């Protein structure tokens, strides 16, 4: 993870991507269920993942996505992936 990329900056990118996919949902609580609170269907979840991947220049693993039900969990998973990357 680059020095300027903190958990807060990853969360901000997730929220920006969420706002693009589902305007108005970018301000949901970090612990709110993404699919329910943001009312995302499966295609929108994939759009969200692609938007985040493009902005962070990474590939989010299926395992990370499977574990992430909330913005907080998604952020933690991405930060963990970036820290583990060589």
N, C-alpha and C. Protein backbone atom coordinates (compact mmCIF):
# COMPACT_ATOMS: atom_id res chain seq x y z
N UNK A 1 0.86 -1.17 0.00
CA UNK A 1 0.00 0.00 0.00
C UNK A 1 0.90 1.22 0.00
N UNK A 2 0.60 2.16 -0.87
CA UNK A 2 1.43 3.35 -0.93
C UNK A 2 1.23 4.18 0.33
N UNK A 3 2.22 4.99 0.69
CA UNK A 3 2.15 5.76 1.93
C UNK A 3 0.90 6.64 2.03
N UNK A 4 0.45 7.16 0.90
CA UNK A 4 -0.71 8.05 0.93
C UNK A 4 -2.03 7.32 0.95
N UNK A 5 -1.99 5.98 0.84
CA UNK A 5 -3.22 5.21 0.76
C UNK A 5 -3.53 4.57 2.12
N UNK A 6 -4.35 5.23 2.88
CA UNK A 6 -4.74 4.75 4.19
C UNK A 6 -6.12 4.11 4.09
N UNK A 7 -6.55 3.52 5.20
CA UNK A 7 -7.91 2.96 5.25
C UNK A 7 -8.94 4.04 4.94
N UNK A 8 -8.68 5.26 5.41
CA UNK A 8 -9.62 6.36 5.16
C UNK A 8 -9.68 6.70 3.68
N UNK A 9 -8.55 6.67 2.98
CA UNK A 9 -8.57 6.99 1.55
C UNK A 9 -9.22 5.86 0.76
N UNK A 10 -9.03 4.61 1.19
CA UNK A 10 -9.71 3.49 0.53
C UNK A 10 -11.21 3.62 0.73
N UNK A 11 -11.62 3.95 1.96
CA UNK A 11 -13.06 4.14 2.22
C UNK A 11 -13.63 5.25 1.36
N UNK A 12 -12.89 6.33 1.21
CA UNK A 12 -13.36 7.44 0.38
C UNK A 12 -13.56 6.98 -1.07
N UNK A 13 -12.65 6.19 -1.58
CA UNK A 13 -12.77 5.69 -2.95
C UNK A 13 -13.98 4.76 -3.07
N UNK A 14 -14.20 3.91 -2.06
CA UNK A 14 -15.38 3.05 -2.07
C UNK A 14 -16.65 3.90 -2.12
N UNK A 15 -16.68 4.95 -1.32
CA UNK A 15 -17.87 5.81 -1.27
C UNK A 15 -18.07 6.58 -2.58
N UNK A 16 -16.99 7.01 -3.20
CA UNK A 16 -17.09 7.68 -4.51
C UNK A 16 -17.67 6.71 -5.54
N UNK A 17 -17.12 5.49 -5.56
CA UNK A 17 -17.60 4.47 -6.49
C UNK A 17 -19.07 4.15 -6.23
N UNK A 18 -19.43 4.04 -4.96
CA UNK A 18 -20.82 3.76 -4.61
C UNK A 18 -21.74 4.89 -5.07
N UNK A 19 -21.27 6.12 -4.93
CA UNK A 19 -22.06 7.28 -5.38
C UNK A 19 -22.26 7.29 -6.88
N UNK A 20 -21.29 6.77 -7.62
CA UNK A 20 -21.42 6.68 -9.08
C UNK A 20 -22.45 5.61 -9.46
N UNK A 21 -22.38 4.47 -8.78
CA UNK A 21 -23.27 3.34 -9.09
C UNK A 21 -24.68 3.60 -8.57
N UNK A 22 -24.77 4.13 -7.35
CA UNK A 22 -26.08 4.35 -6.73
C UNK A 22 -26.05 5.72 -6.04
N UNK A 23 -26.30 6.80 -6.82
CA UNK A 23 -26.28 8.14 -6.24
C UNK A 23 -27.18 8.20 -5.00
N UNK A 24 -26.67 8.84 -3.98
CA UNK A 24 -27.42 8.97 -2.74
C UNK A 24 -27.04 7.92 -1.71
N UNK A 25 -26.38 6.84 -2.12
CA UNK A 25 -26.02 5.78 -1.20
C UNK A 25 -24.61 5.95 -0.64
N UNK A 26 -23.88 6.90 -1.13
CA UNK A 26 -22.48 7.07 -0.72
C UNK A 26 -22.33 7.44 0.76
N UNK A 27 -23.41 7.87 1.38
CA UNK A 27 -23.32 8.32 2.77
C UNK A 27 -23.94 7.35 3.76
N UNK A 28 -24.18 6.08 3.34
CA UNK A 28 -24.71 5.11 4.28
C UNK A 28 -23.65 4.82 5.34
N UNK A 29 -24.10 4.32 6.48
CA UNK A 29 -23.17 4.00 7.58
C UNK A 29 -22.15 2.96 7.12
N UNK A 30 -20.99 3.00 7.67
CA UNK A 30 -19.95 2.05 7.32
C UNK A 30 -20.29 0.62 7.67
N UNK A 31 -21.15 0.45 8.70
CA UNK A 31 -21.53 -0.89 9.12
C UNK A 31 -22.86 -1.36 8.54
N UNK A 32 -23.42 -0.57 7.63
CA UNK A 32 -24.69 -0.94 7.00
C UNK A 32 -24.45 -1.96 5.89
N UNK A 33 -25.38 -2.88 5.74
CA UNK A 33 -25.29 -3.90 4.69
C UNK A 33 -25.36 -3.21 3.33
N UNK A 34 -24.33 -3.40 2.52
CA UNK A 34 -24.25 -2.73 1.22
C UNK A 34 -25.42 -3.08 0.31
N UNK A 35 -25.71 -4.35 0.19
CA UNK A 35 -26.78 -4.77 -0.73
C UNK A 35 -28.13 -4.24 -0.28
N UNK A 36 -28.41 -4.29 1.02
CA UNK A 36 -29.71 -3.86 1.51
C UNK A 36 -29.83 -2.34 1.60
N UNK A 37 -28.89 -1.70 2.27
CA UNK A 37 -28.98 -0.26 2.49
C UNK A 37 -28.79 0.55 1.21
N UNK A 38 -27.89 0.09 0.35
CA UNK A 38 -27.65 0.80 -0.90
C UNK A 38 -28.56 0.27 -2.01
N UNK A 39 -29.29 -0.80 -1.72
CA UNK A 39 -30.23 -1.40 -2.66
C UNK A 39 -29.53 -1.79 -3.96
N UNK A 40 -28.38 -2.49 -3.82
CA UNK A 40 -27.60 -2.92 -4.97
C UNK A 40 -28.03 -4.31 -5.43
N UNK A 41 -28.24 -4.47 -6.72
CA UNK A 41 -28.47 -5.80 -7.25
C UNK A 41 -27.12 -6.38 -7.66
N UNK A 42 -27.09 -7.62 -8.12
CA UNK A 42 -25.81 -8.28 -8.41
C UNK A 42 -25.01 -7.57 -9.51
N UNK A 43 -25.69 -7.04 -10.51
CA UNK A 43 -25.00 -6.32 -11.58
C UNK A 43 -24.37 -5.03 -11.03
N UNK A 44 -25.08 -4.36 -10.14
CA UNK A 44 -24.54 -3.12 -9.56
C UNK A 44 -23.37 -3.42 -8.63
N UNK A 45 -23.41 -4.55 -7.94
CA UNK A 45 -22.27 -4.95 -7.11
C UNK A 45 -21.04 -5.13 -7.99
N UNK A 46 -21.21 -5.79 -9.13
CA UNK A 46 -20.08 -5.98 -10.05
C UNK A 46 -19.60 -4.63 -10.59
N UNK A 47 -20.52 -3.73 -10.91
CA UNK A 47 -20.13 -2.38 -11.36
C UNK A 47 -19.34 -1.66 -10.27
N UNK A 48 -19.79 -1.81 -9.03
CA UNK A 48 -19.10 -1.18 -7.90
C UNK A 48 -17.68 -1.73 -7.79
N UNK A 49 -17.54 -3.04 -7.86
CA UNK A 49 -16.22 -3.66 -7.77
C UNK A 49 -15.31 -3.16 -8.89
N UNK A 50 -15.82 -3.12 -10.10
CA UNK A 50 -15.00 -2.65 -11.23
C UNK A 50 -14.59 -1.19 -11.06
N UNK A 51 -15.49 -0.37 -10.56
CA UNK A 51 -15.17 1.05 -10.33
C UNK A 51 -14.08 1.19 -9.28
N UNK A 52 -14.19 0.43 -8.20
CA UNK A 52 -13.16 0.46 -7.14
C UNK A 52 -11.83 -0.05 -7.69
N UNK A 53 -11.87 -1.15 -8.42
CA UNK A 53 -10.64 -1.71 -9.00
C UNK A 53 -9.95 -0.71 -9.91
N UNK A 54 -10.71 -0.03 -10.74
CA UNK A 54 -10.14 0.98 -11.64
C UNK A 54 -9.49 2.12 -10.87
N UNK A 55 -10.16 2.57 -9.83
CA UNK A 55 -9.65 3.71 -9.06
C UNK A 55 -8.43 3.36 -8.21
N UNK A 56 -8.37 2.10 -7.75
CA UNK A 56 -7.24 1.67 -6.91
C UNK A 56 -6.18 0.89 -7.67
N UNK A 57 -6.44 0.65 -8.96
CA UNK A 57 -5.51 -0.11 -9.80
C UNK A 57 -5.15 -1.45 -9.16
N UNK A 58 -6.18 -2.24 -8.85
CA UNK A 58 -5.99 -3.55 -8.28
C UNK A 58 -7.15 -4.45 -8.69
N UNK A 59 -6.98 -5.73 -8.41
CA UNK A 59 -8.03 -6.70 -8.67
C UNK A 59 -8.52 -7.23 -7.33
N UNK A 60 -9.78 -7.00 -7.02
CA UNK A 60 -10.33 -7.44 -5.75
C UNK A 60 -10.69 -8.92 -5.86
N UNK A 61 -10.17 -9.71 -4.94
CA UNK A 61 -10.41 -11.15 -4.99
C UNK A 61 -11.86 -11.49 -4.67
N UNK A 62 -12.29 -12.61 -5.20
CA UNK A 62 -13.65 -13.09 -4.93
C UNK A 62 -13.80 -13.34 -3.43
N UNK A 63 -12.76 -13.85 -2.81
CA UNK A 63 -12.78 -14.10 -1.37
C UNK A 63 -13.02 -12.81 -0.58
N UNK A 64 -12.35 -11.74 -0.97
CA UNK A 64 -12.53 -10.45 -0.29
C UNK A 64 -13.97 -9.98 -0.44
N UNK A 65 -14.51 -10.09 -1.65
CA UNK A 65 -15.89 -9.66 -1.89
C UNK A 65 -16.88 -10.53 -1.12
N UNK A 66 -16.61 -11.82 -1.03
CA UNK A 66 -17.53 -12.73 -0.33
C UNK A 66 -17.61 -12.41 1.16
N UNK A 67 -16.52 -11.94 1.72
CA UNK A 67 -16.48 -11.61 3.15
C UNK A 67 -17.02 -10.22 3.45
N UNK A 68 -17.14 -9.38 2.45
CA UNK A 68 -17.48 -7.97 2.66
C UNK A 68 -18.97 -7.72 2.46
N UNK A 69 -19.68 -7.53 3.55
CA UNK A 69 -21.10 -7.20 3.47
C UNK A 69 -21.33 -5.70 3.70
N UNK A 70 -20.33 -5.04 4.28
CA UNK A 70 -20.45 -3.63 4.62
C UNK A 70 -19.30 -2.83 4.01
N UNK A 71 -19.43 -1.53 4.02
CA UNK A 71 -18.33 -0.66 3.55
C UNK A 71 -17.10 -0.89 4.43
N UNK A 72 -17.30 -0.98 5.74
CA UNK A 72 -16.17 -1.19 6.64
C UNK A 72 -15.44 -2.49 6.33
N UNK A 73 -16.20 -3.58 6.09
CA UNK A 73 -15.58 -4.87 5.79
C UNK A 73 -14.87 -4.85 4.44
N UNK A 74 -15.49 -4.19 3.47
CA UNK A 74 -14.86 -4.08 2.15
C UNK A 74 -13.57 -3.28 2.24
N UNK A 75 -13.61 -2.20 2.96
CA UNK A 75 -12.42 -1.36 3.15
C UNK A 75 -11.31 -2.17 3.83
N UNK A 76 -11.64 -2.87 4.89
CA UNK A 76 -10.65 -3.68 5.62
C UNK A 76 -10.06 -4.75 4.71
N UNK A 77 -10.89 -5.40 3.92
CA UNK A 77 -10.41 -6.43 3.01
C UNK A 77 -9.46 -5.89 1.96
N UNK A 78 -9.80 -4.73 1.42
CA UNK A 78 -8.94 -4.12 0.39
C UNK A 78 -7.61 -3.68 1.00
N UNK A 79 -7.67 -3.08 2.18
CA UNK A 79 -6.44 -2.65 2.85
C UNK A 79 -5.57 -3.87 3.12
N UNK A 80 -6.17 -4.96 3.59
CA UNK A 80 -5.42 -6.19 3.86
C UNK A 80 -4.79 -6.73 2.57
N UNK A 81 -5.55 -6.72 1.48
CA UNK A 81 -5.01 -7.18 0.18
C UNK A 81 -3.82 -6.33 -0.24
N UNK A 82 -3.94 -5.01 -0.11
CA UNK A 82 -2.89 -4.11 -0.55
C UNK A 82 -1.64 -4.27 0.32
N UNK A 83 -1.81 -4.52 1.62
CA UNK A 83 -0.66 -4.70 2.50
C UNK A 83 0.05 -6.01 2.22
N UNK A 84 -0.69 -7.04 1.79
CA UNK A 84 -0.11 -8.34 1.52
C UNK A 84 0.57 -8.40 0.15
N UNK A 85 0.23 -7.45 -0.73
CA UNK A 85 0.80 -7.44 -2.08
C UNK A 85 2.30 -7.16 -2.02
N UNK A 86 3.07 -7.83 -2.88
CA UNK A 86 4.53 -7.62 -2.89
C UNK A 86 4.92 -6.23 -3.30
